[in-house]
Amino acid sequence: YSASKKEEFLQEFIKQQSEEGLRFDPGKGYAY
């Protein structure tokens, strides 16, 4: 969250998102 560059946060987010996957198919559910 306090990464000095947004790119650093985005890279880590993309990496983890790729590893963990989605909660549900886009448009097929609701989750805050």
All heavy atoms as atom14 arrays in JSON, in Angstrom:
{
  "sequence": "YSASKKEEFLQEFIKQQSEEGLRFDPGKGYAY",
  "atom14_mask": [
    [1, 1, 1, 1, 1, 1, 1, 1, 1, 1, 1, 1, 0, 0],
    [1, 1, 1, 1, 1, 1, 0, 0, 0, 0, 0, 0, 0, 0],
    [1, 1, 1, 1, 1, 0, 0, 0, 0, 0, 0, 0, 0, 0],
    [1, 1, 1, 1, 1, 1, 0, 0, 0, 0, 0, 0, 0, 0],
    [1, 1, 1, 1, 1, 1, 1, 1, 1, 0, 0, 0, 0, 0],
    [1, 1, 1, 1, 1, 1, 1, 1, 1, 0, 0, 0, 0, 0],
    [1, 1, 1, 1, 1, 1, 1, 1, 1, 0, 0, 0, 0, 0],
    [1, 1, 1, 1, 1, 1, 1, 1, 1, 0, 0, 0, 0, 0],
    [1, 1, 1, 1, 1, 1, 1, 1, 1, 1, 1, 0, 0, 0],
    [1, 1, 1, 1, 1, 1, 1, 1, 0, 0, 0, 0, 0, 0],
    [1, 1, 1, 1, 1, 1, 1, 1, 1, 0, 0, 0, 0, 0],
    [1, 1, 1, 1, 1, 1, 1, 1, 1, 0, 0, 0, 0, 0],
    [1, 1, 1, 1, 1, 1, 1, 1, 1, 1, 1, 0, 0, 0],
    [1, 1, 1, 1, 1, 1, 1, 1, 0, 0, 0, 0, 0, 0],
    [1, 1, 1, 1, 1, 1, 1, 1, 1, 0, 0, 0, 0, 0],
    [1, 1, 1, 1, 1, 1, 1, 1, 1, 0, 0, 0, 0, 0],
    [1, 1, 1, 1, 1, 1, 1, 1, 1, 0, 0, 0, 0, 0],
    [1, 1, 1, 1, 1, 1, 0, 0, 0, 0, 0, 0, 0, 0],
    [1, 1, 1, 1, 1, 1, 1, 1, 1, 0, 0, 0, 0, 0],
    [1, 1, 1, 1, 1, 1, 1, 1, 1, 0, 0, 0, 0, 0],
    [1, 1, 1, 1, 0, 0, 0, 0, 0, 0, 0, 0, 0, 0],
    [1, 1, 1, 1, 1, 1, 1, 1, 0, 0, 0, 0, 0, 0],
    [1, 1, 1, 1, 1, 1, 1, 1, 1, 1, 1, 0, 0, 0],
    [1, 1, 1, 1, 1, 1, 1, 1, 1, 1, 1, 0, 0, 0],
    [1, 1, 1, 1, 1, 1, 1, 1, 0, 0, 0, 0, 0, 0],
    [1, 1, 1, 1, 1, 1, 1, 0, 0, 0, 0, 0, 0, 0],
    [1, 1, 1, 1, 0, 0, 0, 0, 0, 0, 0, 0, 0, 0],
    [1, 1, 1, 1, 1, 1, 1, 1, 1, 0, 0, 0, 0, 0],
    [1, 1, 1, 1, 0, 0, 0, 0, 0, 0, 0, 0, 0, 0],
    [1, 1, 1, 1, 1, 1, 1, 1, 1, 1, 1, 1, 0, 0],
    [1, 1, 1, 1, 1, 0, 0, 0, 0, 0, 0, 0, 0, 0],
    [1, 1, 1, 1, 1, 1, 1, 1, 1, 1, 1, 1, 0, 0]
  ],
  "atom14_positions": [
    [[0.82, -1.21, 0.0], [0.0, 0.0, 0.0], [0.85, 1.26, 0.0], [0.52, 2.24, -0.62], [-0.92, 0.04, 1.22], [-2.16, -0.8, 1.12], [-2.93, -1.03, 2.23], [-2.57, -1.37, -0.08], [-4.08, -1.8, 2.16], [-3.71, -2.13, -0.16], [-4.46, -2.35, 0.97], [-5.59, -3.1, 0.89], [0.0, 0.0, 0.0], [0.0, 0.0, 0.0]],
    [[1.96, 1.22, 0.73], [2.8, 2.41, 0.82], [3.97, 2.34, -0.17], [4.96, 3.03, 0.01], [3.32, 2.56, 2.25], [4.12, 1.44, 2.59], [0.0, 0.0, 0.0], [0.0, 0.0, 0.0], [0.0, 0.0, 0.0], [0.0, 0.0, 0.0], [0.0, 0.0, 0.0], [0.0, 0.0, 0.0], [0.0, 0.0, 0.0], [0.0, 0.0, 0.0]],
    [[3.83, 1.5, -1.19], [4.9, 1.39, -2.19], [5.21, 2.78, -2.75], [4.32, 3.6, -2.95], [4.47, 0.46, -3.31], [0.0, 0.0, 0.0], [0.0, 0.0, 0.0], [0.0, 0.0, 0.0], [0.0, 0.0, 0.0], [0.0, 0.0, 0.0], [0.0, 0.0, 0.0], [0.0, 0.0, 0.0], [0.0, 0.0, 0.0], [0.0, 0.0, 0.0]],
    [[6.49, 3.01, -2.96], [6.89, 4.32, -3.45], [6.42, 4.55, -4.88], [6.29, 5.67, -5.32], [8.41, 4.49, -3.35], [9.04, 3.47, -4.09], [0.0, 0.0, 0.0], [0.0, 0.0, 0.0], [0.0, 0.0, 0.0], [0.0, 0.0, 0.0], [0.0, 0.0, 0.0], [0.0, 0.0, 0.0], [0.0, 0.0, 0.0], [0.0, 0.0, 0.0]],
    [[6.15, 3.49, -5.61], [5.68, 3.62, -6.98], [4.44, 2.77, -7.17], [4.39, 1.62, -6.73], [6.76, 3.18, -7.96], [7.99, 4.07, -7.93], [8.97, 3.64, -8.98], [10.18, 4.57, -8.92], [11.23, 4.18, -9.82], [0.0, 0.0, 0.0], [0.0, 0.0, 0.0], [0.0, 0.0, 0.0], [0.0, 0.0, 0.0], [0.0, 0.0, 0.0]],
    [[3.46, 3.31, -7.86], [2.24, 2.56, -8.14], [2.55, 1.32, -8.96], [1.88, 0.31, -8.84], [1.23, 3.44, -8.86], [0.67, 4.51, -7.98], [-0.33, 5.35, -8.72], [-0.83, 6.39, -7.76], [-0.72, 7.72, -8.2], [0.0, 0.0, 0.0], [0.0, 0.0, 0.0], [0.0, 0.0, 0.0], [0.0, 0.0, 0.0], [0.0, 0.0, 0.0]],
    [[3.58, 1.41, -9.81], [3.95, 0.28, -10.65], [4.35, -0.93, -9.79], [4.05, -2.07, -10.12], [5.1, 0.65, -11.59], [4.72, 1.69, -12.63], [4.72, 3.12, -12.1], [5.34, 3.42, -11.05], [4.04, 3.96, -12.73], [0.0, 0.0, 0.0], [0.0, 0.0, 0.0], [0.0, 0.0, 0.0], [0.0, 0.0, 0.0], [0.0, 0.0, 0.0]],
    [[5.01, -0.65, -8.67], [5.43, -1.73, -7.76], [4.21, -2.43, -7.19], [4.15, -3.66, -7.15], [6.29, -1.14, -6.64], [6.8, -2.16, -5.65], [7.57, -1.52, -4.51], [7.88, -0.31, -4.57], [7.87, -2.23, -3.55], [0.0, 0.0, 0.0], [0.0, 0.0, 0.0], [0.0, 0.0, 0.0], [0.0, 0.0, 0.0], [0.0, 0.0, 0.0]],
    [[3.22, -1.65, -6.77], [1.99, -2.23, -6.24], [1.28, -3.02, -7.34], [0.85, -4.15, -7.13], [1.05, -1.16, -5.7], [-0.23, -1.71, -5.14], [-0.33, -2.02, -3.8], [-1.32, -1.96, -5.96], [-1.51, -2.54, -3.28], [-2.5, -2.49, -5.46], [-2.59, -2.78, -4.11], [0.0, 0.0, 0.0], [0.0, 0.0, 0.0], [0.0, 0.0, 0.0]],
    [[1.17, -2.43, -8.53], [0.47, -3.08, -9.63], [1.14, -4.4, -10.01], [0.46, -5.4, -10.22], [0.38, -2.15, -10.84], [-0.39, -2.7, -12.05], [-1.84, -3.0, -11.67], [-0.33, -1.7, -13.19], [0.0, 0.0, 0.0], [0.0, 0.0, 0.0], [0.0, 0.0, 0.0], [0.0, 0.0, 0.0], [0.0, 0.0, 0.0], [0.0, 0.0, 0.0]],
    [[2.47, -4.41, -10.07], [3.19, -5.64, -10.41], [2.9, -6.75, -9.39], [2.64, -7.89, -9.76], [4.69, -5.38, -10.48], [5.11, -4.6, -11.7], [6.55, -4.14, -11.62], [7.27, -4.43, -10.67], [6.98, -3.38, -12.61], [0.0, 0.0, 0.0], [0.0, 0.0, 0.0], [0.0, 0.0, 0.0], [0.0, 0.0, 0.0], [0.0, 0.0, 0.0]],
    [[2.94, -6.4, -8.11], [2.67, -7.39, -7.07], [1.22, -7.84, -7.12], [0.91, -9.02, -6.98], [3.02, -6.83, -5.69], [2.86, -7.83, -4.56], [3.77, -9.05, -4.67], [4.8, -9.01, -5.37], [3.44, -10.07, -4.03], [0.0, 0.0, 0.0], [0.0, 0.0, 0.0], [0.0, 0.0, 0.0], [0.0, 0.0, 0.0], [0.0, 0.0, 0.0]],
    [[0.31, -6.9, -7.34], [-1.12, -7.23, -7.43], [-1.37, -8.19, -8.59], [-2.04, -9.21, -8.44], [-1.96, -5.97, -7.59], [-3.41, -6.25, -7.83], [-4.22, -6.7, -6.8], [-3.96, -6.11, -9.1], [-5.56, -6.98, -7.02], [-5.29, -6.39, -9.33], [-6.09, -6.83, -8.28], [0.0, 0.0, 0.0], [0.0, 0.0, 0.0], [0.0, 0.0, 0.0]],
    [[-0.81, -7.89, -9.75], [-1.0, -8.74, -10.93], [-0.44, -10.13, -10.68], [-1.07, -11.14, -11.01], [-0.36, -8.09, -12.18], [-1.2, -6.87, -12.61], [-0.24, -9.09, -13.31], [-0.54, -6.03, -13.7], [0.0, 0.0, 0.0], [0.0, 0.0, 0.0], [0.0, 0.0, 0.0], [0.0, 0.0, 0.0], [0.0, 0.0, 0.0], [0.0, 0.0, 0.0]],
    [[0.74, -10.2, -10.08], [1.37, -11.49, -9.78], [0.46, -12.32, -8.88], [0.17, -13.48, -9.16], [2.73, -11.27, -9.12], [3.43, -12.53, -8.68], [4.76, -12.2, -8.01], [5.27, -13.41, -7.3], [5.48, -13.21, -5.89], [0.0, 0.0, 0.0], [0.0, 0.0, 0.0], [0.0, 0.0, 0.0], [0.0, 0.0, 0.0], [0.0, 0.0, 0.0]],
    [[0.01, -11.73, -7.78], [-0.82, -12.48, -6.85], [-2.19, -12.79, -7.44], [-2.74, -13.86, -7.22], [-0.94, -11.74, -5.53], [0.35, -11.76, -4.74], [0.14, -11.37, -3.3], [-0.95, -11.47, -2.76], [1.2, -10.92, -2.65], [0.0, 0.0, 0.0], [0.0, 0.0, 0.0], [0.0, 0.0, 0.0], [0.0, 0.0, 0.0], [0.0, 0.0, 0.0]],
    [[-2.74, -11.86, -8.21], [-4.05, -12.1, -8.84], [-3.95, -13.29, -9.79], [-4.83, -14.14, -9.82], [-4.52, -10.86, -9.59], [-5.91, -10.98, -10.17], [-6.97, -11.1, -9.11], [-7.1, -10.26, -8.25], [-7.73, -12.16, -9.15], [0.0, 0.0, 0.0], [0.0, 0.0, 0.0], [0.0, 0.0, 0.0], [0.0, 0.0, 0.0], [0.0, 0.0, 0.0]],
    [[-2.85, -13.36, -10.53], [-2.65, -14.46, -11.46], [-2.54, -15.79, -10.71], [-3.04, -16.81, -11.18], [-1.39, -14.24, -12.3], [-1.54, -13.1, -13.1], [0.0, 0.0, 0.0], [0.0, 0.0, 0.0], [0.0, 0.0, 0.0], [0.0, 0.0, 0.0], [0.0, 0.0, 0.0], [0.0, 0.0, 0.0], [0.0, 0.0, 0.0], [0.0, 0.0, 0.0]],
    [[-1.89, -15.77, -9.54], [-1.72, -17.0, -8.76], [-3.02, -17.42, -8.07], [-3.33, -18.62, -8.02], [-0.64, -16.79, -7.69], [0.75, -16.64, -8.25], [1.77, -16.2, -7.22], [1.41, -16.0, -6.03], [2.94, -16.02, -7.6], [0.0, 0.0, 0.0], [0.0, 0.0, 0.0], [0.0, 0.0, 0.0], [0.0, 0.0, 0.0], [0.0, 0.0, 0.0]],
    [[-3.79, -16.46, -7.57], [-4.98, -16.8, -6.77], [-6.28, -16.84, -7.56], [-7.25, -17.43, -7.11], [-5.1, -15.81, -5.61], [-3.92, -15.92, -4.65], [-4.05, -15.01, -3.44], [-5.17, -14.62, -3.1], [-3.01, -14.7, -2.86], [0.0, 0.0, 0.0], [0.0, 0.0, 0.0], [0.0, 0.0, 0.0], [0.0, 0.0, 0.0], [0.0, 0.0, 0.0]],
    [[-6.3, -16.2, -8.71], [-7.5, -16.23, -9.53], [-8.63, -15.35, -9.0], [-8.49, -14.64, -8.01], [0.0, 0.0, 0.0], [0.0, 0.0, 0.0], [0.0, 0.0, 0.0], [0.0, 0.0, 0.0], [0.0, 0.0, 0.0], [0.0, 0.0, 0.0], [0.0, 0.0, 0.0], [0.0, 0.0, 0.0], [0.0, 0.0, 0.0], [0.0, 0.0, 0.0]],
    [[-9.75, -15.4, -9.69], [-10.91, -14.59, -9.35], [-11.79, -15.26, -8.31], [-11.76, -16.48, -8.15], [-11.74, -14.33, -10.62], [-11.06, -13.56, -11.74], [-11.92, -13.6, -13.0], [-10.79, -12.14, -11.32], [0.0, 0.0, 0.0], [0.0, 0.0, 0.0], [0.0, 0.0, 0.0], [0.0, 0.0, 0.0], [0.0, 0.0, 0.0], [0.0, 0.0, 0.0]],
    [[-12.61, -14.47, -7.64], [-13.6, -15.0, -6.7], [-14.75, -15.68, -7.46], [-15.32, -16.64, -6.99], [-14.21, -13.88, -5.86], [-13.27, -13.23, -4.91], [-14.01, -12.11, -4.2], [-13.15, -11.46, -3.24], [-13.52, -10.41, -2.53], [-14.71, -9.89, -2.67], [-12.68, -9.87, -1.67], [0.0, 0.0, 0.0], [0.0, 0.0, 0.0], [0.0, 0.0, 0.0]],
    [[-15.1, -15.1, -8.62], [-16.18, -15.61, -9.46], [-15.99, -15.04, -10.86], [-15.18, -14.14, -11.07], [-17.56, -15.21, -8.9], [-17.7, -13.74, -8.59], [-17.97, -12.8, -9.59], [-17.54, -13.28, -7.28], [-18.08, -11.46, -9.29], [-17.67, -11.93, -6.98], [-17.93, -11.01, -7.99], [0.0, 0.0, 0.0], [0.0, 0.0, 0.0], [0.0, 0.0, 0.0]],
    [[-16.72, -15.58, -11.82], [-16.62, -15.07, -13.19], [-17.1, -13.62, -13.22], [-18.14, -13.29, -12.64], [-17.49, -15.91, -14.14], [-16.92, -17.29, -14.37], [-15.7, -17.48, -14.19], [-17.7, -18.19, -14.75], [0.0, 0.0, 0.0], [0.0, 0.0, 0.0], [0.0, 0.0, 0.0], [0.0, 0.0, 0.0], [0.0, 0.0, 0.0], [0.0, 0.0, 0.0]],
    [[-16.36, -12.75, -13.91], [-16.74, -11.34, -13.99], [-18.18, -11.15, -14.45], [-18.63, -11.79, -15.41], [-15.75, -10.77, -15.01], [-14.55, -11.66, -14.89], [-15.12, -13.03, -14.64], [0.0, 0.0, 0.0], [0.0, 0.0, 0.0], [0.0, 0.0, 0.0], [0.0, 0.0, 0.0], [0.0, 0.0, 0.0], [0.0, 0.0, 0.0], [0.0, 0.0, 0.0]],
    [[-18.9, -10.29, -13.71], [-20.29, -10.0, -14.03], [-21.28, -11.01, -13.51], [-22.49, -10.84, -13.67], [0.0, 0.0, 0.0], [0.0, 0.0, 0.0], [0.0, 0.0, 0.0], [0.0, 0.0, 0.0], [0.0, 0.0, 0.0], [0.0, 0.0, 0.0], [0.0, 0.0, 0.0], [0.0, 0.0, 0.0], [0.0, 0.0, 0.0], [0.0, 0.0, 0.0]],
    [[-20.8, -12.07, -12.87], [-21.68, -13.16, -12.42], [-21.88, -13.2, -10.91], [-22.43, -14.15, -10.38], [-21.13, -14.53, -12.87], [-20.91, -14.64, -14.33], [-22.21, -14.66, -15.09], [-21.93, -14.85, -16.56], [-23.06, -14.57, -17.39], [0.0, 0.0, 0.0], [0.0, 0.0, 0.0], [0.0, 0.0, 0.0], [0.0, 0.0, 0.0], [0.0, 0.0, 0.0]],
    [[-21.44, -12.18, -10.2], [-21.59, -12.16, -8.75], [-21.32, -10.77, -8.21], [-21.12, -9.81, -8.97], [0.0, 0.0, 0.0], [0.0, 0.0, 0.0], [0.0, 0.0, 0.0], [0.0, 0.0, 0.0], [0.0, 0.0, 0.0], [0.0, 0.0, 0.0], [0.0, 0.0, 0.0], [0.0, 0.0, 0.0], [0.0, 0.0, 0.0], [0.0, 0.0, 0.0]],
    [[-21.29, -10.7, -6.9], [-21.01, -9.44, -6.21], [-20.1, -9.74, -5.03], [-20.35, -10.67, -4.26], [-22.3, -8.78, -5.69], [-22.01, -7.6, -4.77], [-21.83, -6.33, -5.3], [-21.87, -7.77, -3.39], [-21.53, -5.25, -4.48], [-21.57, -6.69, -2.56], [-21.4, -5.44, -3.11], [-21.1, -4.38, -2.3], [0.0, 0.0, 0.0], [0.0, 0.0, 0.0]],
    [[-19.03, -8.97, -4.9], [-18.16, -9.04, -3.72], [-17.47, -7.69, -3.59], [-16.82, -7.22, -4.54], [-17.14, -10.16, -3.84], [0.0, 0.0, 0.0], [0.0, 0.0, 0.0], [0.0, 0.0, 0.0], [0.0, 0.0, 0.0], [0.0, 0.0, 0.0], [0.0, 0.0, 0.0], [0.0, 0.0, 0.0], [0.0, 0.0, 0.0], [0.0, 0.0, 0.0]],
    [[-17.65, -7.06, -2.45], [-17.01, -5.77, -2.17], [-15.55, -5.86, -2.57], [-14.86, -6.8, -2.19], [-17.16, -5.47, -0.68], [-16.72, -4.09, -0.29], [-17.56, -3.0, -0.49], [-15.49, -3.88, 0.3], [-17.17, -1.72, -0.11], [-15.09, -2.61, 0.69], [-15.93, -1.54, 0.47], [-15.54, -0.29, 0.84], [0.0, 0.0, 0.0], [0.0, 0.0, 0.0]]
  ]
}
